[in-house]
Protein backbone atom coordinates (compact mmCIF):
# COMPACT_ATOMS: atom_id res chain seq x y z
CA UNK A 1 0.00 0.00 0.00
CA UNK A 2 1.32 3.43 -0.94
CA UNK A 3 0.45 6.61 0.88
CA UNK A 4 0.75 9.71 -1.22
CA UNK A 5 1.89 12.82 0.59
CA UNK A 6 0.38 16.15 -0.33
CA UNK A 7 1.44 18.95 1.97
CA UNK A 8 0.68 17.82 5.55
CA UNK A 9 -2.06 15.30 4.74
CA UNK A 10 -1.51 11.63 4.01
CA UNK A 11 -4.22 9.92 2.00
CA UNK A 12 -4.40 6.55 0.25
CA UNK A 13 -5.15 7.03 -3.43
CA UNK A 14 -4.41 5.40 -6.78
CA UNK A 15 -2.37 8.37 -7.92
CA UNK A 16 0.83 9.95 -6.75
CA UNK A 17 1.94 13.54 -6.39
CA UNK A 18 4.76 14.90 -8.48
CA UNK A 19 6.52 18.18 -8.04
CA UNK A 20 7.59 20.40 -10.92
CA UNK A 21 10.68 22.39 -9.89
CA UNK A 22 10.47 24.80 -12.80
CA UNK A 23 6.81 25.68 -12.24
CA UNK A 24 6.99 25.27 -8.45
CA UNK A 25 3.68 23.46 -8.07
CA UNK A 26 2.19 20.10 -7.17
CA UNK A 27 -0.19 18.04 -9.25
CA UNK A 28 -1.41 14.47 -9.58
CA UNK A 29 -0.70 11.98 -12.33
CA UNK A 30 -2.58 8.74 -12.79
CA UNK A 31 -0.67 5.55 -13.34
CA UNK A 32 0.56 2.34 -11.77
CA UNK A 33 2.23 3.44 -8.54
CA UNK A 34 4.05 0.11 -8.31
CA UNK A 35 5.55 0.45 -11.78
CA UNK A 36 9.26 1.25 -11.62
CA UNK A 37 9.16 2.30 -15.26
CA UNK A 38 6.33 4.80 -14.66
CA UNK A 39 7.90 6.32 -11.56
CA UNK A 40 11.41 6.49 -13.03
CA UNK A 41 10.23 8.21 -16.21
CA UNK A 42 8.38 10.92 -14.28
CA UNK A 43 11.20 11.30 -11.77
CA UNK A 44 13.56 12.48 -14.51
CA UNK A 45 11.74 15.80 -14.63
CA UNK A 46 9.86 16.00 -11.35
CA UNK A 47 10.06 14.98 -7.71
CA UNK A 48 7.92 12.15 -6.40
CA UNK A 49 6.91 11.88 -2.77
CA UNK A 50 5.84 8.40 -1.72
CA UNK A 51 5.44 6.96 1.76
CA UNK A 52 5.37 3.21 2.37
CA UNK A 53 3.89 1.41 5.37
CA UNK A 54 7.10 -0.54 5.96
CA UNK A 55 10.31 1.33 6.82
CA UNK A 56 12.45 -1.35 5.17
CA UNK A 57 10.34 -1.22 2.02
CA UNK A 58 10.65 2.56 1.99
CA UNK A 59 14.45 2.36 2.18
CA UNK A 60 14.60 -0.33 -0.52
CA UNK A 61 12.25 1.57 -2.83
CA UNK A 62 14.16 4.83 -2.37
CA UNK A 63 17.29 3.22 -3.77
CA UNK A 64 15.67 0.94 -6.35
CA UNK A 65 13.39 3.65 -7.77
CA UNK A 66 16.00 6.37 -7.29
CA UNK A 67 13.32 8.92 -6.52
CA UNK A 68 13.80 12.24 -4.75
CA UNK A 69 11.83 12.85 -1.57
CA UNK A 70 11.04 16.47 -0.85
CA UNK A 71 10.56 18.38 2.39
CA UNK A 72 9.24 21.90 2.80
CA UNK A 73 11.47 24.33 4.68
CA UNK A 74 9.52 27.26 6.08
CA UNK A 75 10.82 30.67 7.07
CA UNK A 76 12.91 33.36 5.41
CA UNK A 77 15.26 34.29 8.27
CA UNK A 78 18.56 32.41 8.32
CA UNK A 79 18.13 31.02 11.82
CA UNK A 80 14.63 29.75 10.99
CA UNK A 81 15.84 27.99 7.87
CA UNK A 82 18.92 26.60 9.64
CA UNK A 83 16.92 25.14 12.54
CA UNK A 84 14.50 23.50 10.11
CA UNK A 85 17.22 22.09 7.85
CA UNK A 86 19.33 20.95 10.80
CA UNK A 87 16.32 19.19 12.31
CA UNK A 88 15.55 17.37 9.06
CA UNK A 89 19.16 16.29 8.50
CA UNK A 90 19.58 15.14 12.09
CA UNK A 91 16.43 13.05 11.74
CA UNK A 92 17.74 11.48 8.52
CA UNK A 93 21.23 10.63 9.67
CA UNK A 94 20.82 9.96 13.41
CA UNK A 95 19.80 6.27 12.98
CA UNK A 96 22.78 5.66 10.69
CA UNK A 97 25.20 7.42 13.05
CA UNK A 98 23.79 5.58 16.07
CA UNK A 99 24.19 2.16 14.46
CA UNK A 100 27.67 2.99 13.17
CA UNK A 101 28.76 4.28 16.60
CA UNK A 102 27.38 1.18 18.34
CA UNK A 103 29.21 -1.15 15.95
CA UNK A 104 32.40 0.87 16.37
CA UNK A 105 32.12 0.58 20.14
CA UNK A 106 31.59 -3.18 19.96
CA UNK A 107 34.67 -3.55 17.78
CA UNK A 108 36.95 -1.14 19.65
CA UNK A 109 35.50 -1.38 23.17
CA UNK A 110 36.42 2.31 23.51
CA UNK A 111 33.46 4.51 24.35
CA UNK A 112 35.42 7.77 24.09
CA UNK A 113 36.67 7.05 20.57
CA UNK A 114 33.16 6.02 19.49
CA UNK A 115 31.68 9.24 20.89
CA UNK A 116 34.35 11.34 19.13
CA UNK A 117 33.45 9.70 15.80
CA UNK A 118 29.74 10.30 16.47
CA UNK A 119 30.48 13.95 17.30
CA UNK A 120 32.48 14.20 14.06
CA UNK A 121 29.45 13.09 12.03
CA UNK A 122 27.12 15.49 13.83
CA UNK A 123 29.64 18.26 13.23
CA UNK A 124 29.51 17.37 9.53
CA UNK A 125 25.70 17.54 9.64
CA UNK A 126 25.97 21.04 11.10
CA UNK A 127 28.37 22.10 8.33
CA UNK A 128 26.09 20.70 5.63
CA UNK A 129 23.00 22.22 7.26
CA UNK A 130 24.52 25.71 7.39
CA UNK A 131 25.78 25.37 3.81
CA UNK A 132 22.38 24.38 2.40
CA UNK A 133 20.56 26.88 4.65
CA UNK A 134 22.64 29.73 3.24
CA UNK A 135 21.80 28.65 -0.32
CA UNK A 136 18.10 28.72 0.52
CA UNK A 137 18.28 31.91 2.57
CA UNK A 138 20.05 33.88 -0.17
CA UNK A 139 17.72 32.58 -2.86
CA UNK A 140 14.67 33.64 -0.86
CA UNK A 141 16.27 36.98 -0.08
CA UNK A 142 17.09 37.81 -3.71
CA UNK A 143 14.22 36.09 -5.49
CA UNK A 144 11.30 34.74 -3.49
CA UNK A 145 10.66 34.19 0.22
CA UNK A 146 8.66 30.99 -0.30
CA UNK A 147 10.40 28.99 -3.03
CA UNK A 148 13.05 26.31 -2.61
CA UNK A 149 12.84 22.90 -0.91
CA UNK A 150 15.06 20.34 0.79
CA UNK A 151 15.39 17.08 -1.12
CA UNK A 152 16.78 13.66 -0.25
CA UNK A 153 18.02 11.35 -2.99
CA UNK A 154 19.61 8.08 -1.88
CA UNK A 155 22.25 9.16 0.67
CA UNK A 156 22.61 12.75 -0.51
CA UNK A 157 20.55 15.64 0.76
CA UNK A 158 20.57 19.15 -0.60
CA UNK A 159 18.48 22.21 -1.38
CA UNK A 160 16.69 22.31 -4.72
CA UNK A 161 16.05 25.78 -6.13
CA UNK A 162 13.77 26.61 -9.08
CA UNK A 163 15.54 27.70 -12.24
CA UNK A 164 14.15 31.24 -12.31
CA UNK A 165 15.59 34.36 -13.99
CA UNK A 166 18.12 36.04 -11.72
CA UNK A 167 21.02 38.47 -12.00
CA UNK A 168 24.44 36.87 -12.43
CA UNK A 169 25.70 38.76 -9.38
CA UNK A 170 23.07 37.09 -7.18
CA UNK A 171 23.75 33.71 -8.77
CA UNK A 172 27.44 34.09 -7.89
CA UNK A 173 26.64 35.08 -4.31
CA UNK A 174 24.26 32.14 -3.86
CA UNK A 175 27.00 29.82 -5.14
CA UNK A 176 30.00 31.04 -3.14
CA UNK A 177 28.70 32.53 0.13
CA UNK A 178 27.93 29.17 1.84
CA UNK A 179 31.39 27.75 1.17
CA UNK A 180 33.18 30.98 2.09
CA UNK A 181 31.14 31.33 5.31
CA UNK A 182 32.02 27.80 6.44
CA UNK A 183 35.66 28.41 5.50
CA UNK A 184 35.80 31.58 7.63
CA UNK A 185 34.20 29.76 10.57
CA UNK A 186 36.79 27.01 10.19
CA UNK A 187 39.70 29.48 10.15
CA UNK A 188 38.37 31.24 13.27
CA UNK A 189 37.97 27.91 15.08
CA UNK A 190 41.48 26.95 13.98
CA UNK A 191 42.86 30.09 15.61
CA UNK A 192 40.85 29.57 18.80
CA UNK A 193 42.32 26.08 19.23
CA UNK A 194 45.78 27.63 19.63
CA UNK A 195 44.72 28.45 23.20
CA UNK A 196 44.40 24.72 23.97
CA UNK A 197 47.64 23.66 25.66
CA UNK A 198 47.34 19.91 25.13
CA UNK A 199 48.82 19.21 21.68
CA UNK A 200 47.04 15.88 21.27
CA UNK A 201 43.65 17.43 21.99
CA UNK A 202 44.54 20.34 19.70
CA UNK A 203 45.41 17.95 16.87
CA UNK A 204 42.25 15.85 17.30
CA UNK A 205 39.97 18.90 17.42
CA UNK A 206 41.52 20.29 14.26
CA UNK A 207 41.35 17.03 12.30
CA UNK A 208 37.89 15.86 13.36
CA UNK A 209 36.02 19.13 13.86
CA UNK A 210 37.78 22.13 12.26
CA UNK A 211 39.24 20.91 8.97
CA UNK A 212 35.79 19.81 7.67
CA UNK A 213 34.65 23.46 7.98
CA UNK A 214 37.73 24.67 6.11
CA UNK A 215 37.56 21.98 3.42
CA UNK A 216 34.00 23.02 2.58
CA UNK A 217 35.63 25.68 0.38
CA UNK A 218 36.29 22.91 -2.16
CA UNK A 219 32.56 22.84 -2.93
CA UNK A 220 33.10 25.78 -5.29
CA UNK A 221 35.76 24.12 -7.43
CA UNK A 222 34.61 23.68 -11.07
CA UNK A 223 33.91 19.94 -10.68
CA UNK A 224 31.52 20.46 -7.76
CA UNK A 225 27.85 21.43 -8.12
CA UNK A 226 28.30 24.94 -6.65
CA UNK A 227 31.40 25.41 -8.77
CA UNK A 228 29.49 24.59 -11.94
CA UNK A 229 26.83 27.18 -11.09
CA UNK A 230 29.59 29.70 -10.37
CA UNK A 231 31.36 29.05 -13.68
CA UNK A 232 28.04 29.29 -15.52
CA UNK A 233 27.32 32.72 -13.99
CA UNK A 234 30.85 33.97 -14.76
CA UNK A 235 30.60 32.80 -18.38
CA UNK A 236 27.25 34.54 -18.71
CA UNK A 237 28.82 37.80 -17.53
CA UNK A 238 31.66 37.42 -20.03
CA UNK A 239 29.23 36.81 -22.89
CA UNK A 240 27.29 39.94 -21.99
CA UNK A 241 30.49 42.00 -21.86
CA UNK A 242 31.62 40.64 -25.23
CA UNK A 243 28.27 41.53 -26.78
CA UNK A 244 28.62 45.17 -25.76
C-alpha atoms as a PDB file:
ATOM      1  CA  UNK A   1       0.000   0.000   0.000  1.00  0.00           C
ATOM      2  CA  UNK A   2       1.316   3.427  -0.936  1.00  0.00           C
ATOM      3  CA  UNK A   3       0.450   6.610   0.882  1.00  0.00           C
ATOM      4  CA  UNK A   4       0.749   9.710  -1.217  1.00  0.00           C
ATOM      5  CA  UNK A   5       1.893  12.822   0.589  1.00  0.00           C
ATOM      6  CA  UNK A   6       0.377  16.145  -0.335  1.00  0.00           C
ATOM      7  CA  UNK A   7       1.437  18.952   1.975  1.00  0.00           C
ATOM      8  CA  UNK A   8       0.681  17.822   5.550  1.00  0.00           C
ATOM      9  CA  UNK A   9      -2.065  15.304   4.745  1.00  0.00           C
ATOM     10  CA  UNK A  10      -1.509  11.629   4.008  1.00  0.00           C
ATOM     11  CA  UNK A  11      -4.222   9.916   1.998  1.00  0.00           C
ATOM     12  CA  UNK A  12      -4.404   6.550   0.253  1.00  0.00           C
ATOM     13  CA  UNK A  13      -5.148   7.029  -3.435  1.00  0.00           C
ATOM     14  CA  UNK A  14      -4.415   5.396  -6.783  1.00  0.00           C
ATOM     15  CA  UNK A  15      -2.373   8.367  -7.919  1.00  0.00           C
ATOM     16  CA  UNK A  16       0.827   9.945  -6.746  1.00  0.00           C
ATOM     17  CA  UNK A  17       1.936  13.541  -6.395  1.00  0.00           C
ATOM     18  CA  UNK A  18       4.764  14.899  -8.475  1.00  0.00           C
ATOM     19  CA  UNK A  19       6.520  18.180  -8.041  1.00  0.00           C
ATOM     20  CA  UNK A  20       7.589  20.395 -10.918  1.00  0.00           C
ATOM     21  CA  UNK A  21      10.678  22.388  -9.893  1.00  0.00           C
ATOM     22  CA  UNK A  22      10.466  24.801 -12.797  1.00  0.00           C
ATOM     23  CA  UNK A  23       6.814  25.680 -12.237  1.00  0.00           C
ATOM     24  CA  UNK A  24       6.993  25.273  -8.452  1.00  0.00           C
ATOM     25  CA  UNK A  25       3.681  23.461  -8.071  1.00  0.00           C
ATOM     26  CA  UNK A  26       2.188  20.103  -7.172  1.00  0.00           C
ATOM     27  CA  UNK A  27      -0.194  18.042  -9.255  1.00  0.00           C
ATOM     28  CA  UNK A  28      -1.414  14.468  -9.577  1.00  0.00           C
ATOM     29  CA  UNK A  29      -0.696  11.984 -12.330  1.00  0.00           C
ATOM     30  CA  UNK A  30      -2.584   8.736 -12.795  1.00  0.00           C
ATOM     31  CA  UNK A  31      -0.666   5.552 -13.340  1.00  0.00           C
ATOM     32  CA  UNK A  32       0.561   2.341 -11.768  1.00  0.00           C
ATOM     33  CA  UNK A  33       2.235   3.444  -8.542  1.00  0.00           C
ATOM     34  CA  UNK A  34       4.050   0.113  -8.311  1.00  0.00           C
ATOM     35  CA  UNK A  35       5.553   0.452 -11.779  1.00  0.00           C
ATOM     36  CA  UNK A  36       9.264   1.247 -11.622  1.00  0.00           C
ATOM     37  CA  UNK A  37       9.159   2.304 -15.263  1.00  0.00           C
ATOM     38  CA  UNK A  38       6.325   4.795 -14.660  1.00  0.00           C
ATOM     39  CA  UNK A  39       7.902   6.319 -11.561  1.00  0.00           C
ATOM     40  CA  UNK A  40      11.405   6.489 -13.026  1.00  0.00           C
ATOM     41  CA  UNK A  41      10.228   8.209 -16.210  1.00  0.00           C
ATOM     42  CA  UNK A  42       8.384  10.920 -14.284  1.00  0.00           C
ATOM     43  CA  UNK A  43      11.204  11.298 -11.766  1.00  0.00           C
ATOM     44  CA  UNK A  44      13.563  12.480 -14.511  1.00  0.00           C
ATOM     45  CA  UNK A  45      11.740  15.797 -14.631  1.00  0.00           C
ATOM     46  CA  UNK A  46       9.861  16.004 -11.352  1.00  0.00           C
ATOM     47  CA  UNK A  47      10.056  14.978  -7.711  1.00  0.00           C
ATOM     48  CA  UNK A  48       7.922  12.150  -6.401  1.00  0.00           C
ATOM     49  CA  UNK A  49       6.908  11.885  -2.766  1.00  0.00           C
ATOM     50  CA  UNK A  50       5.840   8.395  -1.720  1.00  0.00           C
ATOM     51  CA  UNK A  51       5.436   6.958   1.756  1.00  0.00           C
ATOM     52  CA  UNK A  52       5.371   3.209   2.372  1.00  0.00           C
ATOM     53  CA  UNK A  53       3.889   1.410   5.367  1.00  0.00           C
ATOM     54  CA  UNK A  54       7.105  -0.536   5.961  1.00  0.00           C
ATOM     55  CA  UNK A  55      10.311   1.333   6.816  1.00  0.00           C
ATOM     56  CA  UNK A  56      12.446  -1.347   5.173  1.00  0.00           C
ATOM     57  CA  UNK A  57      10.344  -1.223   2.020  1.00  0.00           C
ATOM     58  CA  UNK A  58      10.652   2.564   1.989  1.00  0.00           C
ATOM     59  CA  UNK A  59      14.455   2.358   2.179  1.00  0.00           C
ATOM     60  CA  UNK A  60      14.596  -0.335  -0.518  1.00  0.00           C
ATOM     61  CA  UNK A  61      12.250   1.571  -2.829  1.00  0.00           C
ATOM     62  CA  UNK A  62      14.156   4.827  -2.368  1.00  0.00           C
ATOM     63  CA  UNK A  63      17.295   3.225  -3.765  1.00  0.00           C
ATOM     64  CA  UNK A  64      15.666   0.940  -6.350  1.00  0.00           C
ATOM     65  CA  UNK A  65      13.388   3.649  -7.773  1.00  0.00           C
ATOM     66  CA  UNK A  66      16.004   6.373  -7.291  1.00  0.00           C
ATOM     67  CA  UNK A  67      13.321   8.925  -6.524  1.00  0.00           C
ATOM     68  CA  UNK A  68      13.802  12.240  -4.749  1.00  0.00           C
ATOM     69  CA  UNK A  69      11.832  12.852  -1.572  1.00  0.00           C
ATOM     70  CA  UNK A  70      11.042  16.474  -0.852  1.00  0.00           C
ATOM     71  CA  UNK A  71      10.560  18.383   2.389  1.00  0.00           C
ATOM     72  CA  UNK A  72       9.245  21.897   2.799  1.00  0.00           C
ATOM     73  CA  UNK A  73      11.472  24.332   4.680  1.00  0.00           C
ATOM     74  CA  UNK A  74       9.521  27.256   6.080  1.00  0.00           C
ATOM     75  CA  UNK A  75      10.820  30.668   7.072  1.00  0.00           C
ATOM     76  CA  UNK A  76      12.913  33.356   5.409  1.00  0.00           C
ATOM     77  CA  UNK A  77      15.264  34.293   8.269  1.00  0.00           C
ATOM     78  CA  UNK A  78      18.557  32.408   8.320  1.00  0.00           C
ATOM     79  CA  UNK A  79      18.131  31.017  11.824  1.00  0.00           C
ATOM     80  CA  UNK A  80      14.626  29.749  10.992  1.00  0.00           C
ATOM     81  CA  UNK A  81      15.838  27.985   7.869  1.00  0.00           C
ATOM     82  CA  UNK A  82      18.917  26.602   9.638  1.00  0.00           C
ATOM     83  CA  UNK A  83      16.919  25.143  12.537  1.00  0.00           C
ATOM     84  CA  UNK A  84      14.499  23.504  10.111  1.00  0.00           C
ATOM     85  CA  UNK A  85      17.219  22.094   7.846  1.00  0.00           C
ATOM     86  CA  UNK A  86      19.332  20.951  10.804  1.00  0.00           C
ATOM     87  CA  UNK A  87      16.323  19.191  12.307  1.00  0.00           C
ATOM     88  CA  UNK A  88      15.554  17.370   9.060  1.00  0.00           C
ATOM     89  CA  UNK A  89      19.157  16.286   8.495  1.00  0.00           C
ATOM     90  CA  UNK A  90      19.579  15.140  12.093  1.00  0.00           C
ATOM     91  CA  UNK A  91      16.427  13.052  11.743  1.00  0.00           C
ATOM     92  CA  UNK A  92      17.740  11.485   8.523  1.00  0.00           C
ATOM     93  CA  UNK A  93      21.230  10.632   9.673  1.00  0.00           C
ATOM     94  CA  UNK A  94      20.818   9.958  13.409  1.00  0.00           C
ATOM     95  CA  UNK A  95      19.805   6.274  12.982  1.00  0.00           C
ATOM     96  CA  UNK A  96      22.783   5.660  10.691  1.00  0.00           C
ATOM     97  CA  UNK A  97      25.195   7.421  13.053  1.00  0.00           C
ATOM     98  CA  UNK A  98      23.790   5.583  16.074  1.00  0.00           C
ATOM     99  CA  UNK A  99      24.185   2.161  14.455  1.00  0.00           C
ATOM    100  CA  UNK A 100      27.671   2.992  13.175  1.00  0.00           C
ATOM    101  CA  UNK A 101      28.760   4.275  16.599  1.00  0.00           C
ATOM    102  CA  UNK A 102      27.379   1.176  18.339  1.00  0.00           C
ATOM    103  CA  UNK A 103      29.205  -1.150  15.947  1.00  0.00           C
ATOM    104  CA  UNK A 104      32.399   0.873  16.372  1.00  0.00           C
ATOM    105  CA  UNK A 105      32.116   0.581  20.142  1.00  0.00           C
ATOM    106  CA  UNK A 106      31.586  -3.178  19.963  1.00  0.00           C
ATOM    107  CA  UNK A 107      34.667  -3.548  17.776  1.00  0.00           C
ATOM    108  CA  UNK A 108      36.952  -1.141  19.649  1.00  0.00           C
ATOM    109  CA  UNK A 109      35.498  -1.378  23.168  1.00  0.00           C
ATOM    110  CA  UNK A 110      36.417   2.309  23.513  1.00  0.00           C
ATOM    111  CA  UNK A 111      33.457   4.510  24.353  1.00  0.00           C
ATOM    112  CA  UNK A 112      35.421   7.766  24.089  1.00  0.00           C
ATOM    113  CA  UNK A 113      36.674   7.045  20.573  1.00  0.00           C
ATOM    114  CA  UNK A 114      33.159   6.023  19.490  1.00  0.00           C
ATOM    115  CA  UNK A 115      31.677   9.239  20.887  1.00  0.00           C
ATOM    116  CA  UNK A 116      34.347  11.337  19.130  1.00  0.00           C
ATOM    117  CA  UNK A 117      33.449   9.703  15.800  1.00  0.00           C
ATOM    118  CA  UNK A 118      29.738  10.300  16.467  1.00  0.00           C
ATOM    119  CA  UNK A 119      30.480  13.951  17.297  1.00  0.00           C
ATOM    120  CA  UNK A 120      32.481  14.205  14.059  1.00  0.00           C
ATOM    121  CA  UNK A 121      29.450  13.089  12.027  1.00  0.00           C
ATOM    122  CA  UNK A 122      27.115  15.488  13.834  1.00  0.00           C
ATOM    123  CA  UNK A 123      29.643  18.262  13.227  1.00  0.00           C
ATOM    124  CA  UNK A 124      29.512  17.369   9.530  1.00  0.00           C
ATOM    125  CA  UNK A 125      25.705  17.541   9.643  1.00  0.00           C
ATOM    126  CA  UNK A 126      25.974  21.043  11.101  1.00  0.00           C
ATOM    127  CA  UNK A 127      28.366  22.097   8.326  1.00  0.00           C
ATOM    128  CA  UNK A 128      26.093  20.698   5.631  1.00  0.00           C
ATOM    129  CA  UNK A 129      23.003  22.221   7.262  1.00  0.00           C
ATOM    130  CA  UNK A 130      24.520  25.706   7.392  1.00  0.00           C
ATOM    131  CA  UNK A 131      25.779  25.366   3.809  1.00  0.00           C
ATOM    132  CA  UNK A 132      22.381  24.381   2.403  1.00  0.00           C
ATOM    133  CA  UNK A 133      20.555  26.881   4.647  1.00  0.00           C
ATOM    134  CA  UNK A 134      22.637  29.734   3.239  1.00  0.00           C
ATOM    135  CA  UNK A 135      21.801  28.655  -0.319  1.00  0.00           C
ATOM    136  CA  UNK A 136      18.098  28.718   0.516  1.00  0.00           C
ATOM    137  CA  UNK A 137      18.277  31.914   2.566  1.00  0.00           C
ATOM    138  CA  UNK A 138      20.047  33.882  -0.167  1.00  0.00           C
ATOM    139  CA  UNK A 139      17.721  32.584  -2.861  1.00  0.00           C
ATOM    140  CA  UNK A 140      14.675  33.639  -0.859  1.00  0.00           C
ATOM    141  CA  UNK A 141      16.269  36.981  -0.083  1.00  0.00           C
ATOM    142  CA  UNK A 142      17.090  37.812  -3.709  1.00  0.00           C
ATOM    143  CA  UNK A 143      14.215  36.091  -5.494  1.00  0.00           C
ATOM    144  CA  UNK A 144      11.297  34.743  -3.495  1.00  0.00           C
ATOM    145  CA  UNK A 145      10.659  34.194   0.219  1.00  0.00           C
ATOM    146  CA  UNK A 146       8.663  30.989  -0.298  1.00  0.00           C
ATOM    147  CA  UNK A 147      10.401  28.993  -3.027  1.00  0.00           C
ATOM    148  CA  UNK A 148      13.046  26.310  -2.609  1.00  0.00           C
ATOM    149  CA  UNK A 149      12.839  22.904  -0.915  1.00  0.00           C
ATOM    150  CA  UNK A 150      15.059  20.342   0.791  1.00  0.00           C
ATOM    151  CA  UNK A 151      15.386  17.076  -1.119  1.00  0.00           C
ATOM    152  CA  UNK A 152      16.784  13.662  -0.254  1.00  0.00           C
ATOM    153  CA  UNK A 153      18.023  11.352  -2.985  1.00  0.00           C
ATOM    154  CA  UNK A 154      19.614   8.081  -1.879  1.00  0.00           C
ATOM    155  CA  UNK A 155      22.252   9.155   0.666  1.00  0.00           C
ATOM    156  CA  UNK A 156      22.612  12.748  -0.509  1.00  0.00           C
ATOM    157  CA  UNK A 157      20.546  15.636   0.762  1.00  0.00           C
ATOM    158  CA  UNK A 158      20.566  19.153  -0.604  1.00  0.00           C
ATOM    159  CA  UNK A 159      18.476  22.207  -1.384  1.00  0.00           C
ATOM    160  CA  UNK A 160      16.686  22.308  -4.718  1.00  0.00           C
ATOM    161  CA  UNK A 161      16.046  25.778  -6.130  1.00  0.00           C
ATOM    162  CA  UNK A 162      13.766  26.610  -9.079  1.00  0.00           C
ATOM    163  CA  UNK A 163      15.541  27.701 -12.245  1.00  0.00           C
ATOM    164  CA  UNK A 164      14.152  31.237 -12.312  1.00  0.00           C
ATOM    165  CA  UNK A 165      15.594  34.359 -13.986  1.00  0.00           C
ATOM    166  CA  UNK A 166      18.123  36.039 -11.723  1.00  0.00           C
ATOM    167  CA  UNK A 167      21.017  38.472 -12.001  1.00  0.00           C
ATOM    168  CA  UNK A 168      24.441  36.872 -12.427  1.00  0.00           C
ATOM    169  CA  UNK A 169      25.697  38.759  -9.380  1.00  0.00           C
ATOM    170  CA  UNK A 170      23.072  37.094  -7.185  1.00  0.00           C
ATOM    171  CA  UNK A 171      23.752  33.705  -8.772  1.00  0.00           C
ATOM    172  CA  UNK A 172      27.436  34.086  -7.893  1.00  0.00           C
ATOM    173  CA  UNK A 173      26.642  35.077  -4.309  1.00  0.00           C
ATOM    174  CA  UNK A 174      24.265  32.136  -3.856  1.00  0.00           C
ATOM    175  CA  UNK A 175      27.000  29.816  -5.144  1.00  0.00           C
ATOM    176  CA  UNK A 176      30.002  31.035  -3.139  1.00  0.00           C
ATOM    177  CA  UNK A 177      28.700  32.534   0.129  1.00  0.00           C
ATOM    178  CA  UNK A 178      27.928  29.173   1.843  1.00  0.00           C
ATOM    179  CA  UNK A 179      31.393  27.748   1.175  1.00  0.00           C
ATOM    180  CA  UNK A 180      33.183  30.981   2.094  1.00  0.00           C
ATOM    181  CA  UNK A 181      31.144  31.326   5.305  1.00  0.00           C
ATOM    182  CA  UNK A 182      32.021  27.802   6.444  1.00  0.00           C
ATOM    183  CA  UNK A 183      35.661  28.412   5.496  1.00  0.00           C
ATOM    184  CA  UNK A 184      35.801  31.581   7.628  1.00  0.00           C
ATOM    185  CA  UNK A 185      34.204  29.761  10.567  1.00  0.00           C
ATOM    186  CA  UNK A 186      36.793  27.008  10.192  1.00  0.00           C
ATOM    187  CA  UNK A 187      39.697  29.476  10.153  1.00  0.00           C
ATOM    188  CA  UNK A 188      38.366  31.235  13.270  1.00  0.00           C
ATOM    189  CA  UNK A 189      37.968  27.909  15.083  1.00  0.00           C
ATOM    190  CA  UNK A 190      41.476  26.946  13.976  1.00  0.00           C
ATOM    191  CA  UNK A 191      42.858  30.090  15.607  1.00  0.00           C
ATOM    192  CA  UNK A 192      40.855  29.566  18.800  1.00  0.00           C
ATOM    193  CA  UNK A 193      42.317  26.075  19.233  1.00  0.00           C
ATOM    194  CA  UNK A 194      45.780  27.632  19.629  1.00  0.00           C
ATOM    195  CA  UNK A 195      44.725  28.447  23.202  1.00  0.00           C
ATOM    196  CA  UNK A 196      44.403  24.722  23.970  1.00  0.00           C
ATOM    197  CA  UNK A 197      47.642  23.655  25.657  1.00  0.00           C
ATOM    198  CA  UNK A 198      47.336  19.914  25.129  1.00  0.00           C
ATOM    199  CA  UNK A 199      48.825  19.213  21.682  1.00  0.00           C
ATOM    200  CA  UNK A 200      47.042  15.876  21.266  1.00  0.00           C
ATOM    201  CA  UNK A 201      43.647  17.435  21.987  1.00  0.00           C
ATOM    202  CA  UNK A 202      44.544  20.337  19.704  1.00  0.00           C
ATOM    203  CA  UNK A 203      45.411  17.955  16.873  1.00  0.00           C
ATOM    204  CA  UNK A 204      42.252  15.850  17.296  1.00  0.00           C
ATOM    205  CA  UNK A 205      39.971  18.898  17.420  1.00  0.00           C
ATOM    206  CA  UNK A 206      41.516  20.293  14.257  1.00  0.00           C
ATOM    207  CA  UNK A 207      41.350  17.029  12.303  1.00  0.00           C
ATOM    208  CA  UNK A 208      37.887  15.860  13.364  1.00  0.00           C
ATOM    209  CA  UNK A 209      36.021  19.134  13.860  1.00  0.00           C
ATOM    210  CA  UNK A 210      37.776  22.126  12.262  1.00  0.00           C
ATOM    211  CA  UNK A 211      39.241  20.908   8.971  1.00  0.00           C
ATOM    212  CA  UNK A 212      35.789  19.806   7.668  1.00  0.00           C
ATOM    213  CA  UNK A 213      34.651  23.455   7.982  1.00  0.00           C
ATOM    214  CA  UNK A 214      37.731  24.671   6.114  1.00  0.00           C
ATOM    215  CA  UNK A 215      37.564  21.977   3.421  1.00  0.00           C
ATOM    216  CA  UNK A 216      34.002  23.019   2.577  1.00  0.00           C
ATOM    217  CA  UNK A 217      35.632  25.681   0.385  1.00  0.00           C
ATOM    218  CA  UNK A 218      36.288  22.911  -2.164  1.00  0.00           C
ATOM    219  CA  UNK A 219      32.559  22.835  -2.927  1.00  0.00           C
ATOM    220  CA  UNK A 220      33.103  25.780  -5.289  1.00  0.00           C
ATOM    221  CA  UNK A 221      35.761  24.118  -7.434  1.00  0.00           C
ATOM    222  CA  UNK A 222      34.608  23.681 -11.075  1.00  0.00           C
ATOM    223  CA  UNK A 223      33.915  19.942 -10.680  1.00  0.00           C
ATOM    224  CA  UNK A 224      31.519  20.463  -7.762  1.00  0.00           C
ATOM    225  CA  UNK A 225      27.849  21.433  -8.121  1.00  0.00           C
ATOM    226  CA  UNK A 226      28.296  24.936  -6.646  1.00  0.00           C
ATOM    227  CA  UNK A 227      31.399  25.415  -8.767  1.00  0.00           C
ATOM    228  CA  UNK A 228      29.488  24.587 -11.936  1.00  0.00           C
ATOM    229  CA  UNK A 229      26.833  27.181 -11.090  1.00  0.00           C
ATOM    230  CA  UNK A 230      29.593  29.704 -10.368  1.00  0.00           C
ATOM    231  CA  UNK A 231      31.358  29.054 -13.680  1.00  0.00           C
ATOM    232  CA  UNK A 232      28.036  29.294 -15.517  1.00  0.00           C
ATOM    233  CA  UNK A 233      27.323  32.722 -13.994  1.00  0.00           C
ATOM    234  CA  UNK A 234      30.850  33.974 -14.761  1.00  0.00           C
ATOM    235  CA  UNK A 235      30.601  32.799 -18.385  1.00  0.00           C
ATOM    236  CA  UNK A 236      27.246  34.544 -18.713  1.00  0.00           C
ATOM    237  CA  UNK A 237      28.822  37.799 -17.525  1.00  0.00           C
ATOM    238  CA  UNK A 238      31.664  37.420 -20.034  1.00  0.00           C
ATOM    239  CA  UNK A 239      29.232  36.808 -22.890  1.00  0.00           C
ATOM    240  CA  UNK A 240      27.294  39.943 -21.991  1.00  0.00           C
ATOM    241  CA  UNK A 241      30.487  42.002 -21.858  1.00  0.00           C
ATOM    242  CA  UNK A 242      31.616  40.642 -25.230  1.00  0.00           C
ATOM    243  CA  UNK A 243      28.266  41.530 -26.776  1.00  0.00           C
ATOM    244  CA  UNK A 244      28.619  45.166 -25.761  1.00  0.00           C
END
